[in-house]
């Protein structure tokens, strides 16, 4: 079992523990960029496959 976030938590400095159940995790910009490139690659492959048929 983990302990609730303390006041020295890096994501919420000075806030202490919250009553809302914790902080929401936000994905890093690099991860979103990689996911976008992957989706763009899938779209490109799909259109290229349609043109060949």
PDB file of N, CA and C in Angstrom:
ATOM      1  N   UNK A   1       0.844  -1.166   0.000  1.00  0.00           N
ATOM      2  CA  UNK A   1       0.000   0.000   0.000  1.00  0.00           C
ATOM      3  C   UNK A   1       0.895   1.236   0.000  1.00  0.00           C
ATOM      4  N   UNK A   2       0.534   2.239  -0.785  1.00  0.00           N
ATOM      5  CA  UNK A   2       1.349   3.448  -0.847  1.00  0.00           C
ATOM      6  C   UNK A   2       0.771   4.523   0.059  1.00  0.00           C
ATOM      7  N   UNK A   3       1.641   5.409   0.482  1.00  0.00           N
ATOM      8  CA  UNK A   3       1.201   6.499   1.359  1.00  0.00           C
ATOM      9  C   UNK A   3       0.687   7.657   0.505  1.00  0.00           C
ATOM     10  N   UNK A   4      -0.160   8.507   1.060  1.00  0.00           N
ATOM     11  CA  UNK A   4      -0.658   9.657   0.298  1.00  0.00           C
ATOM     12  C   UNK A   4       0.468  10.634   0.007  1.00  0.00           C
ATOM     13  N   UNK A   5       0.325  11.442  -1.055  1.00  0.00           N
ATOM     14  CA  UNK A   5       1.388  12.390  -1.385  1.00  0.00           C
ATOM     15  C   UNK A   5       1.620  13.379  -0.248  1.00  0.00           C
ATOM     16  N   UNK A   6       2.882  13.694  -0.010  1.00  0.00           N
ATOM     17  CA  UNK A   6       3.222  14.631   1.060  1.00  0.00           C
ATOM     18  C   UNK A   6       3.423  16.026   0.488  1.00  0.00           C
ATOM     19  N   UNK A   7       3.715  16.981   1.344  1.00  0.00           N
ATOM     20  CA  UNK A   7       3.879  18.362   0.901  1.00  0.00           C
ATOM     21  C   UNK A   7       5.146  18.566   0.073  1.00  0.00           C
ATOM     22  N   UNK A   8       6.080  17.609   0.093  1.00  0.00           N
ATOM     23  CA  UNK A   8       7.294  17.747  -0.710  1.00  0.00           C
ATOM     24  C   UNK A   8       7.178  16.990  -2.037  1.00  0.00           C
ATOM     25  N   UNK A   9       5.976  16.677  -2.464  1.00  0.00           N
ATOM     26  CA  UNK A   9       5.733  15.994  -3.735  1.00  0.00           C
ATOM     27  C   UNK A   9       6.071  16.952  -4.875  1.00  0.00           C
ATOM     28  N   UNK A  10       6.900  16.539  -5.866  1.00  0.00           N
ATOM     29  CA  UNK A  10       7.362  17.461  -6.902  1.00  0.00           C
ATOM     30  C   UNK A  10       6.252  17.983  -7.812  1.00  0.00           C
ATOM     31  N   UNK A  11       5.176  17.206  -8.031  1.00  0.00           N
ATOM     32  CA  UNK A  11       4.125  17.654  -8.935  1.00  0.00           C
ATOM     33  C   UNK A  11       3.202  18.669  -8.280  1.00  0.00           C
ATOM     34  N   UNK A  12       3.126  18.675  -6.971  1.00  0.00           N
ATOM     35  CA  UNK A  12       2.222  19.576  -6.261  1.00  0.00           C
ATOM     36  C   UNK A  12       2.948  20.202  -5.071  1.00  0.00           C
ATOM     37  N   UNK A  13       3.874  21.106  -5.307  1.00  0.00           N
ATOM     38  CA  UNK A  13       4.628  21.670  -4.188  1.00  0.00           C
ATOM     39  C   UNK A  13       3.744  22.492  -3.255  1.00  0.00           C
ATOM     40  N   UNK A  14       3.846  22.195  -1.971  1.00  0.00           N
ATOM     41  CA  UNK A  14       3.149  22.968  -0.975  1.00  0.00           C
ATOM     42  C   UNK A  14       1.671  22.662  -0.820  1.00  0.00           C
ATOM     43  N   UNK A  15       1.136  21.701  -1.555  1.00  0.00           N
ATOM     44  CA  UNK A  15      -0.287  21.423  -1.496  1.00  0.00           C
ATOM     45  C   UNK A  15      -0.631  20.360  -0.454  1.00  0.00           C
ATOM     46  N   UNK A  16       0.296  19.454  -0.165  1.00  0.00           N
ATOM     47  CA  UNK A  16      -0.001  18.375   0.772  1.00  0.00           C
ATOM     48  C   UNK A  16      -0.886  17.336   0.114  1.00  0.00           C
ATOM     49  N   UNK A  17      -1.571  16.534   0.906  1.00  0.00           N
ATOM     50  CA  UNK A  17      -2.442  15.513   0.331  1.00  0.00           C
ATOM     51  C   UNK A  17      -3.762  16.134  -0.080  1.00  0.00           C
ATOM     52  N   UNK A  18      -4.324  15.633  -1.172  1.00  0.00           N
ATOM     53  CA  UNK A  18      -5.582  16.193  -1.665  1.00  0.00           C
ATOM     54  C   UNK A  18      -6.736  15.275  -1.322  1.00  0.00           C
ATOM     55  N   UNK A  19      -7.907  15.824  -1.226  1.00  0.00           N
ATOM     56  CA  UNK A  19      -9.087  15.034  -0.909  1.00  0.00           C
ATOM     57  C   UNK A  19      -9.758  14.499  -2.161  1.00  0.00           C
ATOM     58  N   UNK A  20      -9.273  14.874  -3.361  1.00  0.00           N
ATOM     59  CA  UNK A  20      -9.897  14.432  -4.606  1.00  0.00           C
ATOM     60  C   UNK A  20      -9.393  13.067  -5.059  1.00  0.00           C
ATOM     61  N   UNK A  21      -8.453  12.464  -4.373  1.00  0.00           N
ATOM     62  CA  UNK A  21      -8.005  11.126  -4.705  1.00  0.00           C
ATOM     63  C   UNK A  21      -6.669  11.057  -5.412  1.00  0.00           C
ATOM     64  N   UNK A  22      -5.969  12.147  -5.581  1.00  0.00           N
ATOM     65  CA  UNK A  22      -4.650  12.110  -6.187  1.00  0.00           C
ATOM     66  C   UNK A  22      -4.583  12.959  -7.446  1.00  0.00           C
ATOM     67  N   UNK A  23      -3.377  13.101  -7.956  1.00  0.00           N
ATOM     68  CA  UNK A  23      -3.151  13.916  -9.140  1.00  0.00           C
ATOM     69  C   UNK A  23      -3.382  13.090 -10.400  1.00  0.00           C
ATOM     70  N   UNK A  24      -3.811  13.742 -11.448  1.00  0.00           N
ATOM     71  CA  UNK A  24      -3.993  13.098 -12.742  1.00  0.00           C
ATOM     72  C   UNK A  24      -2.659  13.091 -13.471  1.00  0.00           C
ATOM     73  N   UNK A  25      -2.285  11.948 -13.998  1.00  0.00           N
ATOM     74  CA  UNK A  25      -1.023  11.854 -14.729  1.00  0.00           C
ATOM     75  C   UNK A  25      -1.232  12.337 -16.157  1.00  0.00           C
ATOM     76  N   UNK A  26      -0.321  13.179 -16.641  1.00  0.00           N
ATOM     77  CA  UNK A  26      -0.381  13.732 -17.986  1.00  0.00           C
ATOM     78  C   UNK A  26       0.772  13.145 -18.787  1.00  0.00           C
ATOM     79  N   UNK A  27       0.501  12.625 -20.009  1.00  0.00           N
ATOM     80  CA  UNK A  27       1.583  12.052 -20.815  1.00  0.00           C
ATOM     81  C   UNK A  27       2.607  13.109 -21.226  1.00  0.00           C
ATOM     82  N   UNK A  28       3.838  12.694 -21.390  1.00  0.00           N
ATOM     83  CA  UNK A  28       4.895  13.610 -21.802  1.00  0.00           C
ATOM     84  C   UNK A  28       4.716  13.987 -23.271  1.00  0.00           C
ATOM     85  N   UNK A  29       5.150  15.180 -23.668  1.00  0.00           N
ATOM     86  CA  UNK A  29       5.003  15.602 -25.068  1.00  0.00           C
ATOM     87  C   UNK A  29       5.696  14.668 -26.055  1.00  0.00           C
ATOM     88  N   UNK A  30       6.825  14.087 -25.658  1.00  0.00           N
ATOM     89  CA  UNK A  30       7.528  13.173 -26.556  1.00  0.00           C
ATOM     90  C   UNK A  30       6.721  11.924 -26.859  1.00  0.00           C
ATOM     91  N   UNK A  31       6.003  11.421 -25.870  1.00  0.00           N
ATOM     92  CA  UNK A  31       5.164  10.245 -26.067  1.00  0.00           C
ATOM     93  C   UNK A  31       4.034  10.574 -27.032  1.00  0.00           C
ATOM     94  N   UNK A  32       3.424  11.757 -26.858  1.00  0.00           N
ATOM     95  CA  UNK A  32       2.340  12.163 -27.753  1.00  0.00           C
ATOM     96  C   UNK A  32       2.853  12.334 -29.186  1.00  0.00           C
ATOM     97  N   UNK A  33       4.065  12.851 -29.323  1.00  0.00           N
ATOM     98  CA  UNK A  33       4.658  13.001 -30.655  1.00  0.00           C
ATOM     99  C   UNK A  33       4.899  11.668 -31.324  1.00  0.00           C
ATOM    100  N   UNK A  34       5.429  10.718 -30.571  1.00  0.00           N
ATOM    101  CA  UNK A  34       5.656   9.382 -31.130  1.00  0.00           C
ATOM    102  C   UNK A  34       4.343   8.718 -31.523  1.00  0.00           C
ATOM    103  N   UNK A  35       3.317   8.889 -30.715  1.00  0.00           N
ATOM    104  CA  UNK A  35       2.022   8.302 -31.033  1.00  0.00           C
ATOM    105  C   UNK A  35       1.448   8.958 -32.301  1.00  0.00           C
ATOM    106  N   UNK A  36       1.620  10.268 -32.427  1.00  0.00           N
ATOM    107  CA  UNK A  36       1.156  10.966 -33.622  1.00  0.00           C
ATOM    108  C   UNK A  36       1.881  10.502 -34.872  1.00  0.00           C
ATOM    109  N   UNK A  37       3.196  10.315 -34.771  1.00  0.00           N
ATOM    110  CA  UNK A  37       3.961   9.810 -35.916  1.00  0.00           C
ATOM    111  C   UNK A  37       3.520   8.403 -36.299  1.00  0.00           C
ATOM    112  N   UNK A  38       3.236   7.580 -35.306  1.00  0.00           N
ATOM    113  CA  UNK A  38       2.757   6.223 -35.583  1.00  0.00           C
ATOM    114  C   UNK A  38       1.420   6.229 -36.286  1.00  0.00           C
ATOM    115  N   UNK A  39       0.514   7.086 -35.826  1.00  0.00           N
ATOM    116  CA  UNK A  39      -0.801   7.178 -36.477  1.00  0.00           C
ATOM    117  C   UNK A  39      -0.684   7.733 -37.895  1.00  0.00           C
ATOM    118  N   UNK A  40       0.197   8.705 -38.092  1.00  0.00           N
ATOM    119  CA  UNK A  40       0.414   9.252 -39.434  1.00  0.00           C
ATOM    120  C   UNK A  40       1.006   8.186 -40.357  1.00  0.00           C
ATOM    121  N   UNK A  41       1.916   7.365 -39.840  1.00  0.00           N
ATOM    122  CA  UNK A  41       2.489   6.281 -40.631  1.00  0.00           C
ATOM    123  C   UNK A  41       1.448   5.244 -41.012  1.00  0.00           C
ATOM    124  N   UNK A  42       0.550   4.928 -40.085  1.00  0.00           N
ATOM    125  CA  UNK A  42      -0.524   3.985 -40.404  1.00  0.00           C
ATOM    126  C   UNK A  42      -1.465   4.547 -41.466  1.00  0.00           C
ATOM    127  N   UNK A  43      -1.784   5.831 -41.376  1.00  0.00           N
ATOM    128  CA  UNK A  43      -2.652   6.463 -42.373  1.00  0.00           C
ATOM    129  C   UNK A  43      -1.973   6.470 -43.739  1.00  0.00           C
ATOM    130  N   UNK A  44      -0.677   6.783 -43.778  1.00  0.00           N
ATOM    131  CA  UNK A  44       0.069   6.791 -45.030  1.00  0.00           C
ATOM    132  C   UNK A  44       0.104   5.394 -45.651  1.00  0.00           C
ATOM    133  N   UNK A  45       0.363   4.379 -44.837  1.00  0.00           N
ATOM    134  CA  UNK A  45       0.406   3.007 -45.343  1.00  0.00           C
ATOM    135  C   UNK A  45      -0.959   2.575 -45.863  1.00  0.00           C
ATOM    136  N   UNK A  46      -2.024   3.008 -45.192  1.00  0.00           N
ATOM    137  CA  UNK A  46      -3.366   2.650 -45.617  1.00  0.00           C
ATOM    138  C   UNK A  46      -3.698   3.273 -46.967  1.00  0.00           C
ATOM    139  N   UNK A  47      -3.369   4.559 -47.163  1.00  0.00           N
ATOM    140  CA  UNK A  47      -3.667   5.204 -48.444  1.00  0.00           C
ATOM    141  C   UNK A  47      -2.787   4.640 -49.554  1.00  0.00           C
ATOM    142  N   UNK A  48      -1.562   4.297 -49.224  1.00  0.00           N
ATOM    143  CA  UNK A  48      -0.665   3.723 -50.234  1.00  0.00           C
ATOM    144  C   UNK A  48      -1.148   2.343 -50.663  1.00  0.00           C
ATOM    145  N   UNK A  49      -1.659   1.570 -49.710  1.00  0.00           N
ATOM    146  CA  UNK A  49      -2.166   0.243 -50.012  1.00  0.00           C
ATOM    147  C   UNK A  49      -3.419   0.333 -50.894  1.00  0.00           C
ATOM    148  N   UNK A  50      -4.276   1.333 -50.645  1.00  0.00           N
ATOM    149  CA  UNK A  50      -5.498   1.507 -51.442  1.00  0.00           C
ATOM    150  C   UNK A  50      -5.172   1.877 -52.874  1.00  0.00           C
ATOM    151  N   UNK A  51      -4.139   2.705 -53.075  1.00  0.00           N
ATOM    152  CA  UNK A  51      -3.775   3.138 -54.433  1.00  0.00           C
ATOM    153  C   UNK A  51      -3.208   1.989 -55.261  1.00  0.00           C
ATOM    154  N   UNK A  52      -2.530   1.054 -54.622  1.00  0.00           N
ATOM    155  CA  UNK A  52      -1.948  -0.077 -55.353  1.00  0.00           C
ATOM    156  C   UNK A  52      -2.992  -1.087 -55.785  1.00  0.00           C
ATOM    157  N   UNK A  53      -4.084  -1.172 -55.058  1.00  0.00           N
ATOM    158  CA  UNK A  53      -5.123  -2.176 -55.379  1.00  0.00           C
ATOM    159  C   UNK A  53      -5.962  -1.770 -56.562  1.00  0.00           C
TER     160      UNK A  53
END
